[in-house]
Amino acid sequence: MGKSTVDQRGRITLPQRERKRVGLRPGDRVHVQATDQEVTIRKTVSPREFAKIFAGCISEENAVGEPVDPLRIKEMWRLAGG
């Protein structure tokens, strides 16, 4: 876990080690979520990246049981950081 300081404008610099660990690069978009004592930063996943990650996972050839509900796919995207 790295440490950082909040500057006067509310910005922080993420330590290089942490950025590399999650693959963050300049210009990447992130989700920021706060609780009482914790701030979580997650890299967002674009629809294109999401489709690339799951390419081939959902097809008629590998279908088992019920068809996939589009809302379930949307939920998977949200959980993946989309």
PDB file of N, CA and C in Angstrom:
ATOM      1  N   MET A   1       0.847  -1.170   0.000  1.00  0.00           N
ATOM      2  CA  MET A   1       0.000   0.000   0.000  1.00  0.00           C
ATOM      3  C   MET A   1       0.891   1.231   0.000  1.00  0.00           C
ATOM      4  N   GLY A   2       0.634   2.140  -0.920  1.00  0.00           N
ATOM      5  CA  GLY A   2       1.391   3.375  -0.981  1.00  0.00           C
ATOM      6  C   GLY A   2       0.718   4.474  -0.190  1.00  0.00           C
ATOM      7  N   LYS A   3       1.441   5.550   0.018  1.00  0.00           N
ATOM      8  CA  LYS A   3       0.896   6.711   0.723  1.00  0.00           C
ATOM      9  C   LYS A   3       0.990   7.915  -0.181  1.00  0.00           C
ATOM     10  N   SER A   4       0.066   8.854   0.025  1.00  0.00           N
ATOM     11  CA  SER A   4       0.047  10.078  -0.752  1.00  0.00           C
ATOM     12  C   SER A   4      -0.505  11.189   0.122  1.00  0.00           C
ATOM     13  N   THR A   5      -0.359  12.417  -0.327  1.00  0.00           N
ATOM     14  CA  THR A   5      -0.855  13.577   0.412  1.00  0.00           C
ATOM     15  C   THR A   5      -1.843  14.327  -0.469  1.00  0.00           C
ATOM     16  N   VAL A   6      -2.908  14.809   0.123  1.00  0.00           N
ATOM     17  CA  VAL A   6      -3.900  15.600  -0.597  1.00  0.00           C
ATOM     18  C   VAL A   6      -3.366  17.027  -0.682  1.00  0.00           C
ATOM     19  N   ASP A   7      -3.332  17.596  -1.907  1.00  0.00           N
ATOM     20  CA  ASP A   7      -2.836  18.968  -2.034  1.00  0.00           C
ATOM     21  C   ASP A   7      -3.968  19.965  -1.787  1.00  0.00           C
ATOM     22  N   GLN A   8      -3.671  21.252  -1.907  1.00  0.00           N
ATOM     23  CA  GLN A   8      -4.649  22.306  -1.597  1.00  0.00           C
ATOM     24  C   GLN A   8      -5.867  22.281  -2.510  1.00  0.00           C
ATOM     25  N   ARG A   9      -5.731  21.695  -3.680  1.00  0.00           N
ATOM     26  CA  ARG A   9      -6.855  21.617  -4.615  1.00  0.00           C
ATOM     27  C   ARG A   9      -7.596  20.289  -4.513  1.00  0.00           C
ATOM     28  N   GLY A  10      -7.227  19.457  -3.528  1.00  0.00           N
ATOM     29  CA  GLY A  10      -7.909  18.183  -3.319  1.00  0.00           C
ATOM     30  C   GLY A  10      -7.383  17.046  -4.168  1.00  0.00           C
ATOM     31  N   ARG A  11      -6.266  17.250  -4.834  1.00  0.00           N
ATOM     32  CA  ARG A  11      -5.702  16.221  -5.706  1.00  0.00           C
ATOM     33  C   ARG A  11      -4.713  15.351  -4.935  1.00  0.00           C
ATOM     34  N   ILE A  12      -4.575  14.123  -5.409  1.00  0.00           N
ATOM     35  CA  ILE A  12      -3.545  13.238  -4.872  1.00  0.00           C
ATOM     36  C   ILE A  12      -2.774  12.665  -6.044  1.00  0.00           C
ATOM     37  N   THR A  13      -1.552  12.269  -5.785  1.00  0.00           N
ATOM     38  CA  THR A  13      -0.758  11.565  -6.776  1.00  0.00           C
ATOM     39  C   THR A  13      -0.691  10.118  -6.342  1.00  0.00           C
ATOM     40  N   LEU A  14      -1.153   9.228  -7.214  1.00  0.00           N
ATOM     41  CA  LEU A  14      -1.098   7.803  -6.894  1.00  0.00           C
ATOM     42  C   LEU A  14       0.339   7.322  -7.065  1.00  0.00           C
ATOM     43  N   PRO A  15       0.857   6.582  -6.108  1.00  0.00           N
ATOM     44  CA  PRO A  15       2.219   6.073  -6.235  1.00  0.00           C
ATOM     45  C   PRO A  15       2.380   5.225  -7.504  1.00  0.00           C
ATOM     46  N   GLN A  16       3.539   5.334  -8.123  1.00  0.00           N
ATOM     47  CA  GLN A  16       3.808   4.634  -9.379  1.00  0.00           C
ATOM     48  C   GLN A  16       3.553   3.138  -9.259  1.00  0.00           C
ATOM     49  N   ARG A  17       3.988   2.553  -8.157  1.00  0.00           N
ATOM     50  CA  ARG A  17       3.810   1.111  -7.964  1.00  0.00           C
ATOM     51  C   ARG A  17       2.332   0.727  -8.037  1.00  0.00           C
ATOM     52  N   GLU A  18       1.467   1.528  -7.408  1.00  0.00           N
ATOM     53  CA  GLU A  18       0.032   1.242  -7.403  1.00  0.00           C
ATOM     54  C   GLU A  18      -0.572   1.464  -8.792  1.00  0.00           C
ATOM     55  N   ARG A  19      -0.134   2.510  -9.490  1.00  0.00           N
ATOM     56  CA  ARG A  19      -0.635   2.756 -10.853  1.00  0.00           C
ATOM     57  C   ARG A  19      -0.277   1.600 -11.771  1.00  0.00           C
ATOM     58  N   LYS A  20       0.962   1.137 -11.681  1.00  0.00           N
ATOM     59  CA  LYS A  20       1.393   0.017 -12.535  1.00  0.00           C
ATOM     60  C   LYS A  20       0.630  -1.253 -12.200  1.00  0.00           C
ATOM     61  N   ARG A  21       0.368  -1.453 -10.932  1.00  0.00           N
ATOM     62  CA  ARG A  21      -0.317  -2.670 -10.486  1.00  0.00           C
ATOM     63  C   ARG A  21      -1.692  -2.826 -11.133  1.00  0.00           C
ATOM     64  N   VAL A  22      -2.408  -1.707 -11.296  1.00  0.00           N
ATOM     65  CA  VAL A  22      -3.742  -1.780 -11.901  1.00  0.00           C
ATOM     66  C   VAL A  22      -3.771  -1.313 -13.353  1.00  0.00           C
ATOM     67  N   GLY A  23      -2.598  -0.948 -13.877  1.00  0.00           N
ATOM     68  CA  GLY A  23      -2.529  -0.547 -15.282  1.00  0.00           C
ATOM     69  C   GLY A  23      -3.079   0.828 -15.576  1.00  0.00           C
ATOM     70  N   LEU A  24      -2.972   1.751 -14.628  1.00  0.00           N
ATOM     71  CA  LEU A  24      -3.448   3.117 -14.866  1.00  0.00           C
ATOM     72  C   LEU A  24      -2.401   3.922 -15.620  1.00  0.00           C
ATOM     73  N   ARG A  25      -2.866   4.647 -16.631  1.00  0.00           N
ATOM     74  CA  ARG A  25      -1.991   5.517 -17.404  1.00  0.00           C
ATOM     75  C   ARG A  25      -2.583   6.912 -17.445  1.00  0.00           C
ATOM     76  N   PRO A  26      -1.786   7.919 -17.754  1.00  0.00           N
ATOM     77  CA  PRO A  26      -2.317   9.286 -17.848  1.00  0.00           C
ATOM     78  C   PRO A  26      -3.519   9.337 -18.780  1.00  0.00           C
ATOM     79  N   GLY A  27      -4.564   9.986 -18.344  1.00  0.00           N
ATOM     80  CA  GLY A  27      -5.786  10.109 -19.144  1.00  0.00           C
ATOM     81  C   GLY A  27      -6.823   9.033 -18.866  1.00  0.00           C
ATOM     82  N   ASP A  28      -6.456   7.949 -18.176  1.00  0.00           N
ATOM     83  CA  ASP A  28      -7.434   6.914 -17.840  1.00  0.00           C
ATOM     84  C   ASP A  28      -8.498   7.492 -16.908  1.00  0.00           C
ATOM     85  N   ARG A  29      -9.697   6.993 -17.051  1.00  0.00           N
ATOM     86  CA  ARG A  29     -10.789   7.423 -16.177  1.00  0.00           C
ATOM     87  C   ARG A  29     -10.926   6.429 -15.037  1.00  0.00           C
ATOM     88  N   VAL A  30     -11.340   6.925 -13.877  1.00  0.00           N
ATOM     89  CA  VAL A  30     -11.494   6.086 -12.698  1.00  0.00           C
ATOM     90  C   VAL A  30     -12.821   6.384 -12.014  1.00  0.00           C
ATOM     91  N   HIS A  31     -13.306   5.417 -11.248  1.00  0.00           N
ATOM     92  CA  HIS A  31     -14.453   5.606 -10.367  1.00  0.00           C
ATOM     93  C   HIS A  31     -13.894   5.897  -8.981  1.00  0.00           C
ATOM     94  N   VAL A  32     -14.484   6.863  -8.300  1.00  0.00           N
ATOM     95  CA  VAL A  32     -14.075   7.184  -6.943  1.00  0.00           C
ATOM     96  C   VAL A  32     -15.293   7.015  -6.054  1.00  0.00           C
ATOM     97  N   GLN A  33     -15.136   6.219  -4.990  1.00  0.00           N
ATOM     98  CA  GLN A  33     -16.232   5.961  -4.064  1.00  0.00           C
ATOM     99  C   GLN A  33     -15.716   6.163  -2.653  1.00  0.00           C
ATOM    100  N   ALA A  34     -16.494   6.858  -1.834  1.00  0.00           N
ATOM    101  CA  ALA A  34     -16.068   7.140  -0.464  1.00  0.00           C
ATOM    102  C   ALA A  34     -17.061   6.595   0.548  1.00  0.00           C
ATOM    103  N   THR A  35     -16.523   6.123   1.665  1.00  0.00           N
ATOM    104  CA  THR A  35     -17.310   5.768   2.838  1.00  0.00           C
ATOM    105  C   THR A  35     -16.853   6.716   3.944  1.00  0.00           C
ATOM    106  N   ASP A  36     -17.209   6.437   5.183  1.00  0.00           N
ATOM    107  CA  ASP A  36     -16.832   7.333   6.279  1.00  0.00           C
ATOM    108  C   ASP A  36     -15.326   7.537   6.399  1.00  0.00           C
ATOM    109  N   GLN A  37     -14.541   6.490   6.254  1.00  0.00           N
ATOM    110  CA  GLN A  37     -13.096   6.583   6.464  1.00  0.00           C
ATOM    111  C   GLN A  37     -12.258   6.043   5.308  1.00  0.00           C
ATOM    112  N   GLU A  38     -12.877   5.765   4.169  1.00  0.00           N
ATOM    113  CA  GLU A  38     -12.148   5.106   3.085  1.00  0.00           C
ATOM    114  C   GLU A  38     -12.558   5.673   1.740  1.00  0.00           C
ATOM    115  N   VAL A  39     -11.577   5.842   0.871  1.00  0.00           N
ATOM    116  CA  VAL A  39     -11.833   6.246  -0.512  1.00  0.00           C
ATOM    117  C   VAL A  39     -11.281   5.139  -1.402  1.00  0.00           C
ATOM    118  N   THR A  40     -12.121   4.639  -2.303  1.00  0.00           N
ATOM    119  CA  THR A  40     -11.716   3.584  -3.222  1.00  0.00           C
ATOM    120  C   THR A  40     -11.662   4.163  -4.627  1.00  0.00           C
ATOM    121  N   ILE A  41     -10.574   3.877  -5.329  1.00  0.00           N
ATOM    122  CA  ILE A  41     -10.406   4.319  -6.712  1.00  0.00           C
ATOM    123  C   ILE A  41     -10.306   3.070  -7.575  1.00  0.00           C
ATOM    124  N   ARG A  42     -11.206   2.961  -8.573  1.00  0.00           N
ATOM    125  CA  ARG A  42     -11.190   1.810  -9.478  1.00  0.00           C
ATOM    126  C   ARG A  42     -11.056   2.294 -10.907  1.00  0.00           C
ATOM    127  N   LYS A  43     -10.237   1.610 -11.665  1.00  0.00           N
ATOM    128  CA  LYS A  43     -10.112   1.915 -13.081  1.00  0.00           C
ATOM    129  C   LYS A  43     -11.421   1.578 -13.772  1.00  0.00           C
ATOM    130  N   THR A  44     -11.899   2.467 -14.621  1.00  0.00           N
ATOM    131  CA  THR A  44     -13.123   2.183 -15.363  1.00  0.00           C
ATOM    132  C   THR A  44     -12.803   1.253 -16.527  1.00  0.00           C
ATOM    133  N   VAL A  45     -13.815   0.563 -16.984  1.00  0.00           N
ATOM    134  CA  VAL A  45     -13.682  -0.339 -18.127  1.00  0.00           C
ATOM    135  C   VAL A  45     -14.637   0.167 -19.197  1.00  0.00           C
ATOM    136  N   SER A  46     -14.096   0.505 -20.353  1.00  0.00           N
ATOM    137  CA  SER A  46     -14.942   0.984 -21.451  1.00  0.00           C
ATOM    138  C   SER A  46     -15.732  -0.190 -22.025  1.00  0.00           C
ATOM    139  N   PRO A  47     -16.827   0.103 -22.719  1.00  0.00           N
ATOM    140  CA  PRO A  47     -17.574  -0.986 -23.357  1.00  0.00           C
ATOM    141  C   PRO A  47     -16.688  -1.817 -24.299  1.00  0.00           C
ATOM    142  N   ARG A  48     -15.768  -1.173 -24.998  1.00  0.00           N
ATOM    143  CA  ARG A  48     -14.870  -1.881 -25.914  1.00  0.00           C
ATOM    144  C   ARG A  48     -13.946  -2.821 -25.143  1.00  0.00           C
ATOM    145  N   GLU A  49     -13.375  -2.335 -24.027  1.00  0.00           N
ATOM    146  CA  GLU A  49     -12.507  -3.182 -23.206  1.00  0.00           C
ATOM    147  C   GLU A  49     -13.294  -4.351 -22.618  1.00  0.00           C
ATOM    148  N   PHE A  50     -14.514  -4.066 -22.173  1.00  0.00           N
ATOM    149  CA  PHE A  50     -15.368  -5.107 -21.597  1.00  0.00           C
ATOM    150  C   PHE A  50     -15.645  -6.194 -22.631  1.00  0.00           C
ATOM    151  N   ALA A  51     -16.000  -5.771 -23.846  1.00  0.00           N
ATOM    152  CA  ALA A  51     -16.284  -6.742 -24.909  1.00  0.00           C
ATOM    153  C   ALA A  51     -15.042  -7.571 -25.232  1.00  0.00           C
ATOM    154  N   LYS A  52     -13.877  -6.928 -25.213  1.00  0.00           N
ATOM    155  CA  LYS A  52     -12.631  -7.644 -25.485  1.00  0.00           C
ATOM    156  C   LYS A  52     -12.345  -8.678 -24.397  1.00  0.00           C
ATOM    157  N   ILE A  53     -12.567  -8.301 -23.140  1.00  0.00           N
ATOM    158  CA  ILE A  53     -12.336  -9.203 -22.012  1.00  0.00           C
ATOM    159  C   ILE A  53     -13.219 -10.449 -22.126  1.00  0.00           C
ATOM    160  N   PHE A  54     -14.486 -10.245 -22.478  1.00  0.00           N
ATOM    161  CA  PHE A  54     -15.449 -11.346 -22.497  1.00  0.00           C
ATOM    162  C   PHE A  54     -15.693 -11.925 -23.885  1.00  0.00           C
ATOM    163  N   ALA A  55     -14.896 -11.522 -24.870  1.00  0.00           N
ATOM    164  CA  ALA A  55     -15.067 -12.039 -26.235  1.00  0.00           C
ATOM    165  C   ALA A  55     -14.991 -13.564 -26.226  1.00  0.00           C
ATOM    166  N   GLY A  56     -15.979 -14.188 -26.815  1.00  0.00           N
ATOM    167  CA  GLY A  56     -15.983 -15.644 -26.908  1.00  0.00           C
ATOM    168  C   GLY A  56     -16.586 -16.350 -25.710  1.00  0.00           C
ATOM    169  N   CYS A  57     -16.823 -15.620 -24.631  1.00  0.00           N
ATOM    170  CA  CYS A  57     -17.390 -16.259 -23.431  1.00  0.00           C
ATOM    171  C   CYS A  57     -18.871 -16.569 -23.597  1.00  0.00           C
ATOM    172  N   ILE A  58     -19.556 -15.746 -24.347  1.00  0.00           N
ATOM    173  CA  ILE A  58     -20.994 -15.929 -24.517  1.00  0.00           C
ATOM    174  C   ILE A  58     -21.258 -16.192 -25.995  1.00  0.00           C
ATOM    175  N   SER A  59     -21.579 -17.432 -26.302  1.00  0.00           N
ATOM    176  CA  SER A  59     -21.898 -17.798 -27.675  1.00  0.00           C
ATOM    177  C   SER A  59     -22.835 -19.006 -27.639  1.00  0.00           C
ATOM    178  N   GLU A  60     -23.423 -19.311 -28.773  1.00  0.00           N
ATOM    179  CA  GLU A  60     -24.315 -20.472 -28.829  1.00  0.00           C
ATOM    180  C   GLU A  60     -23.546 -21.763 -28.574  1.00  0.00           C
ATOM    181  N   GLU A  61     -22.277 -21.801 -28.972  1.00  0.00           N
ATOM    182  CA  GLU A  61     -21.486 -23.008 -28.803  1.00  0.00           C
ATOM    183  C   GLU A  61     -21.231 -23.346 -27.332  1.00  0.00           C
ATOM    184  N   ASN A  62     -21.069 -22.331 -26.495  1.00  0.00           N
ATOM    185  CA  ASN A  62     -20.780 -22.606 -25.087  1.00  0.00           C
ATOM    186  C   ASN A  62     -21.958 -22.271 -24.168  1.00  0.00           C
ATOM    187  N   ALA A  63     -23.137 -22.117 -24.747  1.00  0.00           N
ATOM    188  CA  ALA A  63     -24.317 -21.810 -23.951  1.00  0.00           C
ATOM    189  C   ALA A  63     -24.711 -23.011 -23.096  1.00  0.00           C
ATOM    190  N   VAL A  64     -25.025 -22.736 -21.857  1.00  0.00           N
ATOM    191  CA  VAL A  64     -25.471 -23.777 -20.938  1.00  0.00           C
ATOM    192  C   VAL A  64     -26.740 -23.266 -20.270  1.00  0.00           C
ATOM    193  N   GLY A  65     -27.820 -23.977 -20.439  1.00  0.00           N
ATOM    194  CA  GLY A  65     -29.058 -23.592 -19.776  1.00  0.00           C
ATOM    195  C   GLY A  65     -29.724 -22.390 -20.418  1.00  0.00           C
ATOM    196  N   GLU A  66     -30.177 -21.488 -19.569  1.00  0.00           N
ATOM    197  CA  GLU A  66     -30.949 -20.328 -20.009  1.00  0.00           C
ATOM    198  C   GLU A  66     -30.090 -19.314 -20.774  1.00  0.00           C
ATOM    199  N   PRO A  67     -30.707 -18.575 -21.688  1.00  0.00           N
ATOM    200  CA  PRO A  67     -29.985 -17.494 -22.369  1.00  0.00           C
ATOM    201  C   PRO A  67     -29.530 -16.451 -21.341  1.00  0.00           C
ATOM    202  N   VAL A  68     -28.474 -15.728 -21.669  1.00  0.00           N
ATOM    203  CA  VAL A  68     -27.950 -14.716 -20.758  1.00  0.00           C
ATOM    204  C   VAL A  68     -28.847 -13.484 -20.795  1.00  0.00           C
ATOM    205  N   ASP A  69     -29.235 -13.036 -19.625  1.00  0.00           N
ATOM    206  CA  ASP A  69     -30.069 -11.841 -19.485  1.00  0.00           C
ATOM    207  C   ASP A  69     -29.205 -10.606 -19.735  1.00  0.00           C
ATOM    208  N   PRO A  70     -29.616  -9.720 -20.653  1.00  0.00           N
ATOM    209  CA  PRO A  70     -28.827  -8.510 -20.919  1.00  0.00           C
ATOM    210  C   PRO A  70     -28.573  -7.670 -19.666  1.00  0.00           C
ATOM    211  N   LEU A  71     -29.517  -7.687 -18.724  1.00  0.00           N
ATOM    212  CA  LEU A  71     -29.305  -6.938 -17.484  1.00  0.00           C
ATOM    213  C   LEU A  71     -28.179  -7.559 -16.657  1.00  0.00           C
ATOM    214  N   ARG A  72     -28.007  -8.862 -16.762  1.00  0.00           N
ATOM    215  CA  ARG A  72     -26.898  -9.529 -16.062  1.00  0.00           C
ATOM    216  C   ARG A  72     -25.562  -9.100 -16.672  1.00  0.00           C
ATOM    217  N   ILE A  73     -25.540  -8.983 -17.997  1.00  0.00           N
ATOM    218  CA  ILE A  73     -24.322  -8.511 -18.660  1.00  0.00           C
ATOM    219  C   ILE A  73     -24.016  -7.084 -18.221  1.00  0.00           C
ATOM    220  N   LYS A  74     -25.049  -6.256 -18.131  1.00  0.00           N
ATOM    221  CA  LYS A  74     -24.866  -4.879 -17.669  1.00  0.00           C
ATOM    222  C   LYS A  74     -24.309  -4.858 -16.243  1.00  0.00           C
ATOM    223  N   GLU A  75     -24.808  -5.734 -15.384  1.00  0.00           N
ATOM    224  CA  GLU A  75     -24.332  -5.824 -14.009  1.00  0.00           C
ATOM    225  C   GLU A  75     -22.871  -6.284 -13.984  1.00  0.00           C
ATOM    226  N   MET A  76     -22.518  -7.241 -14.850  1.00  0.00           N
ATOM    227  CA  MET A  76     -21.125  -7.699 -14.928  1.00  0.00           C
ATOM    228  C   MET A  76     -20.211  -6.554 -15.328  1.00  0.00           C
ATOM    229  N   TRP A  77     -20.667  -5.718 -16.277  1.00  0.00           N
ATOM    230  CA  TRP A  77     -19.881  -4.566 -16.727  1.00  0.00           C
ATOM    231  C   TRP A  77     -19.684  -3.592 -15.575  1.00  0.00           C
ATOM    232  N   ARG A  78     -20.768  -3.349 -14.825  1.00  0.00           N
ATOM    233  CA  ARG A  78     -20.686  -2.432 -13.687  1.00  0.00           C
ATOM    234  C   ARG A  78     -19.684  -2.957 -12.662  1.00  0.00           C
ATOM    235  N   LEU A  79     -19.745  -4.234 -12.371  1.00  0.00           N
ATOM    236  CA  LEU A  79     -18.830  -4.826 -11.395  1.00  0.00           C
ATOM    237  C   LEU A  79     -17.377  -4.818 -11.888  1.00  0.00           C
ATOM    238  N   ALA A  80     -17.215  -4.848 -13.205  1.00  0.00           N
ATOM    239  CA  ALA A  80     -15.872  -4.812 -13.778  1.00  0.00           C
ATOM    240  C   ALA A  80     -15.311  -3.388 -13.812  1.00  0.00           C
ATOM    241  N   GLY A  81     -16.132  -2.429 -13.419  1.00  0.00           N
ATOM    242  CA  GLY A  81     -15.657  -1.043 -13.371  1.00  0.00           C
ATOM    243  C   GLY A  81     -16.151  -0.186 -14.503  1.00  0.00           C
ATOM    244  N   GLY A  82     -17.162  -0.654 -15.228  1.00  0.00           N
ATOM    245  CA  GLY A  82     -17.690   0.108 -16.360  1.00  0.00           C
ATOM    246  C   GLY A  82     -18.614   1.211 -15.960  1.00  0.00           C
TER     247      GLY A  82
END
